[in-house]
Amino acid sequence: MKPMPKTNDPLPTDPEARRLRVQRQRNVAMALVMGALAILFFAITIVKLKV
């Protein structure tokens, strides 16, 4: 296994590294959406309990 060359390139040219970066971004986006949905459900539940 050869070591990866160290560069300051923010967008790696290695397809595997690019795929991992895109996958990580997608995971973060899904986590934020799921967290927002959970907060929305919690807020709706609290409002319904008060009525």
PDB file of N, CA and C in Angstrom:
ATOM      1  N   MET A   1       0.844  -1.175   0.000  1.00  0.00           N
ATOM      2  CA  MET A   1       0.000   0.000   0.000  1.00  0.00           C
ATOM      3  C   MET A   1       0.889   1.236   0.000  1.00  0.00           C
ATOM      4  N   LYS A   2       0.702   2.121  -0.983  1.00  0.00           N
ATOM      5  CA  LYS A   2       1.562   3.297  -1.028  1.00  0.00           C
ATOM      6  C   LYS A   2       0.954   4.446  -0.235  1.00  0.00           C
ATOM      7  N   PRO A   3       1.807   5.206   0.393  1.00  0.00           N
ATOM      8  CA  PRO A   3       1.305   6.329   1.184  1.00  0.00           C
ATOM      9  C   PRO A   3       0.737   7.423   0.270  1.00  0.00           C
ATOM     10  N   MET A   4      -0.284   8.103   0.774  1.00  0.00           N
ATOM     11  CA  MET A   4      -0.899   9.189   0.019  1.00  0.00           C
ATOM     12  C   MET A   4       0.023  10.400   0.031  1.00  0.00           C
ATOM     13  N   PRO A   5       0.199  11.051  -1.093  1.00  0.00           N
ATOM     14  CA  PRO A   5       1.014  12.273  -1.099  1.00  0.00           C
ATOM     15  C   PRO A   5       0.293  13.385  -0.342  1.00  0.00           C
ATOM     16  N   LYS A   6       1.054  14.120   0.439  1.00  0.00           N
ATOM     17  CA  LYS A   6       0.460  15.200   1.230  1.00  0.00           C
ATOM     18  C   LYS A   6       0.411  16.468   0.397  1.00  0.00           C
ATOM     19  N   THR A   7      -0.799  16.943   0.181  1.00  0.00           N
ATOM     20  CA  THR A   7      -0.984  18.182  -0.555  1.00  0.00           C
ATOM     21  C   THR A   7      -1.969  19.053   0.205  1.00  0.00           C
ATOM     22  N   ASN A   8      -2.017  20.316  -0.133  1.00  0.00           N
ATOM     23  CA  ASN A   8      -2.965  21.231   0.484  1.00  0.00           C
ATOM     24  C   ASN A   8      -4.210  21.394  -0.382  1.00  0.00           C
ATOM     25  N   ASP A   9      -4.412  20.485  -1.317  1.00  0.00           N
ATOM     26  CA  ASP A   9      -5.562  20.534  -2.214  1.00  0.00           C
ATOM     27  C   ASP A   9      -6.834  20.233  -1.418  1.00  0.00           C
ATOM     28  N   PRO A  10      -7.787  21.175  -1.357  1.00  0.00           N
ATOM     29  CA  PRO A  10      -9.006  20.926  -0.581  1.00  0.00           C
ATOM     30  C   PRO A  10      -9.911  19.874  -1.227  1.00  0.00           C
ATOM     31  N   LEU A  11      -9.808  19.695  -2.541  1.00  0.00           N
ATOM     32  CA  LEU A  11     -10.595  18.681  -3.231  1.00  0.00           C
ATOM     33  C   LEU A  11      -9.661  17.590  -3.727  1.00  0.00           C
ATOM     34  N   PRO A  12      -9.620  16.471  -3.029  1.00  0.00           N
ATOM     35  CA  PRO A  12      -8.685  15.417  -3.428  1.00  0.00           C
ATOM     36  C   PRO A  12      -9.046  14.850  -4.792  1.00  0.00           C
ATOM     37  N   THR A  13      -8.028  14.450  -5.532  1.00  0.00           N
ATOM     38  CA  THR A  13      -8.256  13.883  -6.856  1.00  0.00           C
ATOM     39  C   THR A  13      -8.467  12.379  -6.786  1.00  0.00           C
ATOM     40  N   ASP A  14      -8.152  11.776  -5.665  1.00  0.00           N
ATOM     41  CA  ASP A  14      -8.358  10.345  -5.478  1.00  0.00           C
ATOM     42  C   ASP A  14      -9.862  10.054  -5.439  1.00  0.00           C
ATOM     43  N   PRO A  15     -10.358   9.190  -6.304  1.00  0.00           N
ATOM     44  CA  PRO A  15     -11.809   8.922  -6.331  1.00  0.00           C
ATOM     45  C   PRO A  15     -12.341   8.381  -5.008  1.00  0.00           C
ATOM     46  N   GLU A  16     -11.569   7.566  -4.328  1.00  0.00           N
ATOM     47  CA  GLU A  16     -12.016   7.012  -3.046  1.00  0.00           C
ATOM     48  C   GLU A  16     -12.141   8.111  -2.006  1.00  0.00           C
ATOM     49  N   ALA A  17     -11.174   9.007  -1.950  1.00  0.00           N
ATOM     50  CA  ALA A  17     -11.233  10.116  -0.989  1.00  0.00           C
ATOM     51  C   ALA A  17     -12.406  11.039  -1.303  1.00  0.00           C
ATOM     52  N   ARG A  18     -12.635  11.276  -2.591  1.00  0.00           N
ATOM     53  CA  ARG A  18     -13.761  12.124  -2.998  1.00  0.00           C
ATOM     54  C   ARG A  18     -15.083  11.462  -2.602  1.00  0.00           C
ATOM     55  N   ARG A  19     -15.178  10.156  -2.794  1.00  0.00           N
ATOM     56  CA  ARG A  19     -16.407   9.430  -2.446  1.00  0.00           C
ATOM     57  C   ARG A  19     -16.657   9.486  -0.942  1.00  0.00           C
ATOM     58  N   LEU A  20     -15.602   9.319  -0.164  1.00  0.00           N
ATOM     59  CA  LEU A  20     -15.746   9.381   1.289  1.00  0.00           C
ATOM     60  C   LEU A  20     -16.165  10.771   1.752  1.00  0.00           C
ATOM     61  N   ARG A  21     -15.619  11.811   1.103  1.00  0.00           N
ATOM     62  CA  ARG A  21     -15.980  13.185   1.466  1.00  0.00           C
ATOM     63  C   ARG A  21     -17.451  13.444   1.160  1.00  0.00           C
ATOM     64  N   VAL A  22     -17.905  13.005   0.000  1.00  0.00           N
ATOM     65  CA  VAL A  22     -19.304  13.207  -0.382  1.00  0.00           C
ATOM     66  C   VAL A  22     -20.218  12.414   0.549  1.00  0.00           C
ATOM     67  N   GLN A  23     -19.817  11.203   0.878  1.00  0.00           N
ATOM     68  CA  GLN A  23     -20.621  10.381   1.771  1.00  0.00           C
ATOM     69  C   GLN A  23     -20.712  11.024   3.159  1.00  0.00           C
ATOM     70  N   ARG A  24     -19.608  11.572   3.642  1.00  0.00           N
ATOM     71  CA  ARG A  24     -19.605  12.227   4.949  1.00  0.00           C
ATOM     72  C   ARG A  24     -20.528  13.442   4.938  1.00  0.00           C
ATOM     73  N   GLN A  25     -20.485  14.227   3.862  1.00  0.00           N
ATOM     74  CA  GLN A  25     -21.366  15.395   3.752  1.00  0.00           C
ATOM     75  C   GLN A  25     -22.830  14.966   3.734  1.00  0.00           C
ATOM     76  N   ARG A  26     -23.124  13.897   3.025  1.00  0.00           N
ATOM     77  CA  ARG A  26     -24.498  13.387   2.966  1.00  0.00           C
ATOM     78  C   ARG A  26     -24.950  12.913   4.340  1.00  0.00           C
ATOM     79  N   ASN A  27     -24.063  12.253   5.089  1.00  0.00           N
ATOM     80  CA  ASN A  27     -24.403  11.788   6.431  1.00  0.00           C
ATOM     81  C   ASN A  27     -24.688  12.956   7.369  1.00  0.00           C
ATOM     82  N   VAL A  28     -23.901  14.006   7.275  1.00  0.00           N
ATOM     83  CA  VAL A  28     -24.122  15.187   8.118  1.00  0.00           C
ATOM     84  C   VAL A  28     -25.459  15.831   7.772  1.00  0.00           C
ATOM     85  N   ALA A  29     -25.764  15.937   6.487  1.00  0.00           N
ATOM     86  CA  ALA A  29     -27.031  16.532   6.068  1.00  0.00           C
ATOM     87  C   ALA A  29     -28.210  15.709   6.595  1.00  0.00           C
ATOM     88  N   MET A  30     -28.123  14.394   6.493  1.00  0.00           N
ATOM     89  CA  MET A  30     -29.207  13.537   6.988  1.00  0.00           C
ATOM     90  C   MET A  30     -29.356  13.658   8.503  1.00  0.00           C
ATOM     91  N   ALA A  31     -28.252  13.755   9.215  1.00  0.00           N
ATOM     92  CA  ALA A  31     -28.313  13.909  10.670  1.00  0.00           C
ATOM     93  C   ALA A  31     -28.997  15.221  11.047  1.00  0.00           C
ATOM     94  N   LEU A  32     -28.689  16.286  10.321  1.00  0.00           N
ATOM     95  CA  LEU A  32     -29.328  17.572  10.605  1.00  0.00           C
ATOM     96  C   LEU A  32     -30.828  17.523  10.315  1.00  0.00           C
ATOM     97  N   VAL A  33     -31.207  16.898   9.213  1.00  0.00           N
ATOM     98  CA  VAL A  33     -32.628  16.777   8.872  1.00  0.00           C
ATOM     99  C   VAL A  33     -33.356  15.942   9.920  1.00  0.00           C
ATOM    100  N   MET A  34     -32.768  14.843  10.331  1.00  0.00           N
ATOM    101  CA  MET A  34     -33.414  13.988  11.333  1.00  0.00           C
ATOM    102  C   MET A  34     -33.516  14.692  12.680  1.00  0.00           C
ATOM    103  N   GLY A  35     -32.484  15.454  13.046  1.00  0.00           N
ATOM    104  CA  GLY A  35     -32.537  16.214  14.290  1.00  0.00           C
ATOM    105  C   GLY A  35     -33.619  17.279  14.250  1.00  0.00           C
ATOM    106  N   ALA A  36     -33.737  17.978  13.128  1.00  0.00           N
ATOM    107  CA  ALA A  36     -34.775  18.999  12.979  1.00  0.00           C
ATOM    108  C   ALA A  36     -36.164  18.362  13.056  1.00  0.00           C
ATOM    109  N   LEU A  37     -36.325  17.205  12.452  1.00  0.00           N
ATOM    110  CA  LEU A  37     -37.605  16.508  12.493  1.00  0.00           C
ATOM    111  C   LEU A  37     -37.957  16.082  13.923  1.00  0.00           C
ATOM    112  N   ALA A  38     -36.969  15.605  14.663  1.00  0.00           N
ATOM    113  CA  ALA A  38     -37.198  15.215  16.050  1.00  0.00           C
ATOM    114  C   ALA A  38     -37.608  16.425  16.890  1.00  0.00           C
ATOM    115  N   ILE A  39     -36.942  17.559  16.677  1.00  0.00           N
ATOM    116  CA  ILE A  39     -37.303  18.778  17.414  1.00  0.00           C
ATOM    117  C   ILE A  39     -38.711  19.227  17.040  1.00  0.00           C
ATOM    118  N   LEU A  40     -39.060  19.139  15.759  1.00  0.00           N
ATOM    119  CA  LEU A  40     -40.404  19.500  15.311  1.00  0.00           C
ATOM    120  C   LEU A  40     -41.448  18.607  15.975  1.00  0.00           C
ATOM    121  N   PHE A  41     -41.240  17.294  15.995  1.00  0.00           N
ATOM    122  CA  PHE A  41     -42.177  16.378  16.643  1.00  0.00           C
ATOM    123  C   PHE A  41     -42.295  16.690  18.132  1.00  0.00           C
ATOM    124  N   PHE A  42     -41.189  16.983  18.784  1.00  0.00           N
ATOM    125  CA  PHE A  42     -41.202  17.325  20.209  1.00  0.00           C
ATOM    126  C   PHE A  42     -42.022  18.587  20.450  1.00  0.00           C
ATOM    127  N   ALA A  43     -41.809  19.615  19.609  1.00  0.00           N
ATOM    128  CA  ALA A  43     -42.539  20.874  19.767  1.00  0.00           C
ATOM    129  C   ALA A  43     -44.038  20.662  19.540  1.00  0.00           C
ATOM    130  N   ILE A  44     -44.393  19.875  18.538  1.00  0.00           N
ATOM    131  CA  ILE A  44     -45.815  19.600  18.285  1.00  0.00           C
ATOM    132  C   ILE A  44     -46.436  18.866  19.461  1.00  0.00           C
ATOM    133  N   THR A  45     -45.712  17.917  20.030  1.00  0.00           N
ATOM    134  CA  THR A  45     -46.217  17.172  21.185  1.00  0.00           C
ATOM    135  C   THR A  45     -46.443  18.098  22.370  1.00  0.00           C
ATOM    136  N   ILE A  46     -45.512  18.981  22.640  1.00  0.00           N
ATOM    137  CA  ILE A  46     -45.650  19.916  23.767  1.00  0.00           C
ATOM    138  C   ILE A  46     -46.854  20.828  23.550  1.00  0.00           C
ATOM    139  N   VAL A  47     -47.018  21.339  22.342  1.00  0.00           N
ATOM    140  CA  VAL A  47     -48.150  22.221  22.046  1.00  0.00           C
ATOM    141  C   VAL A  47     -49.470  21.473  22.230  1.00  0.00           C
ATOM    142  N   LYS A  48     -49.557  20.233  21.782  1.00  0.00           N
ATOM    143  CA  LYS A  48     -50.787  19.453  21.916  1.00  0.00           C
ATOM    144  C   LYS A  48     -51.089  19.127  23.375  1.00  0.00           C
ATOM    145  N   LEU A  49     -50.067  18.942  24.185  1.00  0.00           N
ATOM    146  CA  LEU A  49     -50.281  18.651  25.601  1.00  0.00           C
ATOM    147  C   LEU A  49     -50.863  19.860  26.341  1.00  0.00           C
ATOM    148  N   LYS A  50     -50.524  21.058  25.912  1.00  0.00           N
ATOM    149  CA  LYS A  50     -50.995  22.267  26.552  1.00  0.00           C
ATOM    150  C   LYS A  50     -52.429  22.600  26.155  1.00  0.00           C
ATOM    151  N   VAL A  51     -52.916  22.035  25.057  1.00  0.00           N
ATOM    152  CA  VAL A  51     -54.265  22.369  24.576  1.00  0.00           C
ATOM    153  C   VAL A  51     -55.296  21.460  25.199  1.00  0.00           C
TER     154      VAL A  51
END
